[in-house]
Amino acid sequence: MKSHPNKHIQEAIEYALSKGWVWVPAGKSAHCFCKLRCGDKSGEHTSHHRSVWSTPDVPEHHATQIRQAVDQCGRIKNQMSKK
């Protein structure tokens, strides 16, 4: 896995990975740096994903959006497991 050039976005990527998200490389002609996909080893709950842009207008805001997507997904997982 390559590192993102912006430290805020790289930290958000590492946060997502620590919460069980999977790093998916971008395609050859993609504008995104990579994709982050929620999932676990069993293959369940893979519906949440987020593109990580190489050069967003405001990197700090993009990093916040990544963390929010991860946190939102975590809430949904917790609600599903309580049912």
Protein backbone atom coordinates (compact mmCIF):
# COMPACT_ATOMS: atom_id res chain seq x y z
CA MET A 1 0.00 0.00 0.00
CA LYS A 2 1.41 3.37 -0.96
CA SER A 3 1.18 6.39 1.33
CA HIS A 4 -0.97 9.40 0.53
CA PRO A 5 1.07 12.60 0.09
CA ASN A 6 -1.15 14.51 2.53
CA LYS A 7 -0.61 13.62 6.18
CA HIS A 8 -4.22 14.31 7.21
CA ILE A 9 -5.62 12.00 4.56
CA GLN A 10 -2.99 9.34 5.30
CA GLU A 11 -4.00 9.42 8.97
CA ALA A 12 -7.66 9.03 7.95
CA ILE A 13 -6.74 6.04 5.77
CA GLU A 14 -4.89 4.46 8.68
CA TYR A 15 -7.91 5.12 10.91
CA ALA A 16 -10.18 3.33 8.43
CA LEU A 17 -7.82 0.37 8.20
CA SER A 18 -7.67 0.13 11.99
CA LYS A 19 -11.48 -0.13 12.04
CA GLY A 20 -11.50 -3.07 9.65
CA TRP A 21 -11.88 -1.29 6.33
CA VAL A 22 -10.02 -2.64 3.30
CA TRP A 23 -7.67 -0.64 1.05
CA VAL A 24 -8.45 -1.16 -2.65
CA PRO A 25 -6.01 0.22 -5.23
CA ALA A 26 -7.32 2.66 -7.80
CA GLY A 27 -7.62 1.70 -11.44
CA LYS A 28 -4.95 2.67 -13.96
CA SER A 29 -6.83 5.69 -15.30
CA ALA A 30 -8.61 6.62 -12.08
CA HIS A 31 -8.66 10.08 -10.56
CA CYS A 32 -8.81 8.67 -7.08
CA PHE A 33 -5.81 7.67 -4.97
CA CYS A 34 -7.51 4.50 -3.70
CA LYS A 35 -10.83 3.24 -2.44
CA LEU A 36 -11.68 2.20 1.08
CA ARG A 37 -14.27 -0.52 1.49
CA CYS A 38 -15.93 -1.74 4.62
CA GLY A 39 -15.70 -5.44 5.01
CA ASP A 40 -14.58 -8.25 7.15
CA LYS A 41 -12.86 -11.51 6.38
CA SER A 42 -16.17 -13.34 6.18
CA GLY A 43 -17.27 -11.10 3.30
CA GLU A 44 -20.29 -9.74 5.14
CA HIS A 45 -21.21 -6.07 5.28
CA THR A 46 -19.32 -4.82 2.25
CA SER A 47 -21.82 -2.16 1.19
CA HIS A 48 -19.97 0.90 2.48
CA HIS A 49 -17.12 2.37 0.47
CA ARG A 50 -15.35 5.67 0.00
CA SER A 51 -13.08 7.01 -2.75
CA VAL A 52 -9.94 8.73 -1.53
CA TRP A 53 -8.94 11.57 -3.84
CA SER A 54 -5.33 12.37 -4.69
CA THR A 55 -5.71 16.15 -4.62
CA PRO A 56 -8.93 17.28 -2.92
CA ASP A 57 -9.61 21.02 -2.65
CA VAL A 58 -9.41 20.94 1.16
CA PRO A 59 -7.46 17.87 2.33
CA GLU A 60 -8.44 18.32 5.99
CA HIS A 61 -12.12 18.31 5.05
CA HIS A 62 -11.69 15.20 2.91
CA ALA A 63 -9.93 13.45 5.81
CA THR A 64 -12.86 14.35 8.07
CA GLN A 65 -15.30 12.92 5.52
CA ILE A 66 -13.37 9.64 5.45
CA ARG A 67 -13.44 9.35 9.25
CA GLN A 68 -17.16 10.18 9.34
CA ALA A 69 -17.91 7.46 6.78
CA VAL A 70 -15.99 4.94 8.88
CA ASP A 71 -17.74 6.01 12.09
CA GLN A 72 -21.18 5.95 10.45
CA CYS A 73 -20.55 2.45 9.19
CA GLY A 74 -19.49 1.37 12.67
CA ARG A 75 -22.78 2.62 14.09
CA ILE A 76 -24.74 0.66 11.50
CA LYS A 77 -22.75 -2.50 12.26
CA ASN A 78 -23.45 -2.10 15.97
CA GLN A 79 -27.18 -1.62 15.34
CA MET A 80 -27.30 -4.71 13.12
CA SER A 81 -25.54 -6.87 15.70
CA LYS A 82 -28.01 -5.84 18.44
CA LYS A 83 -31.01 -7.12 16.44
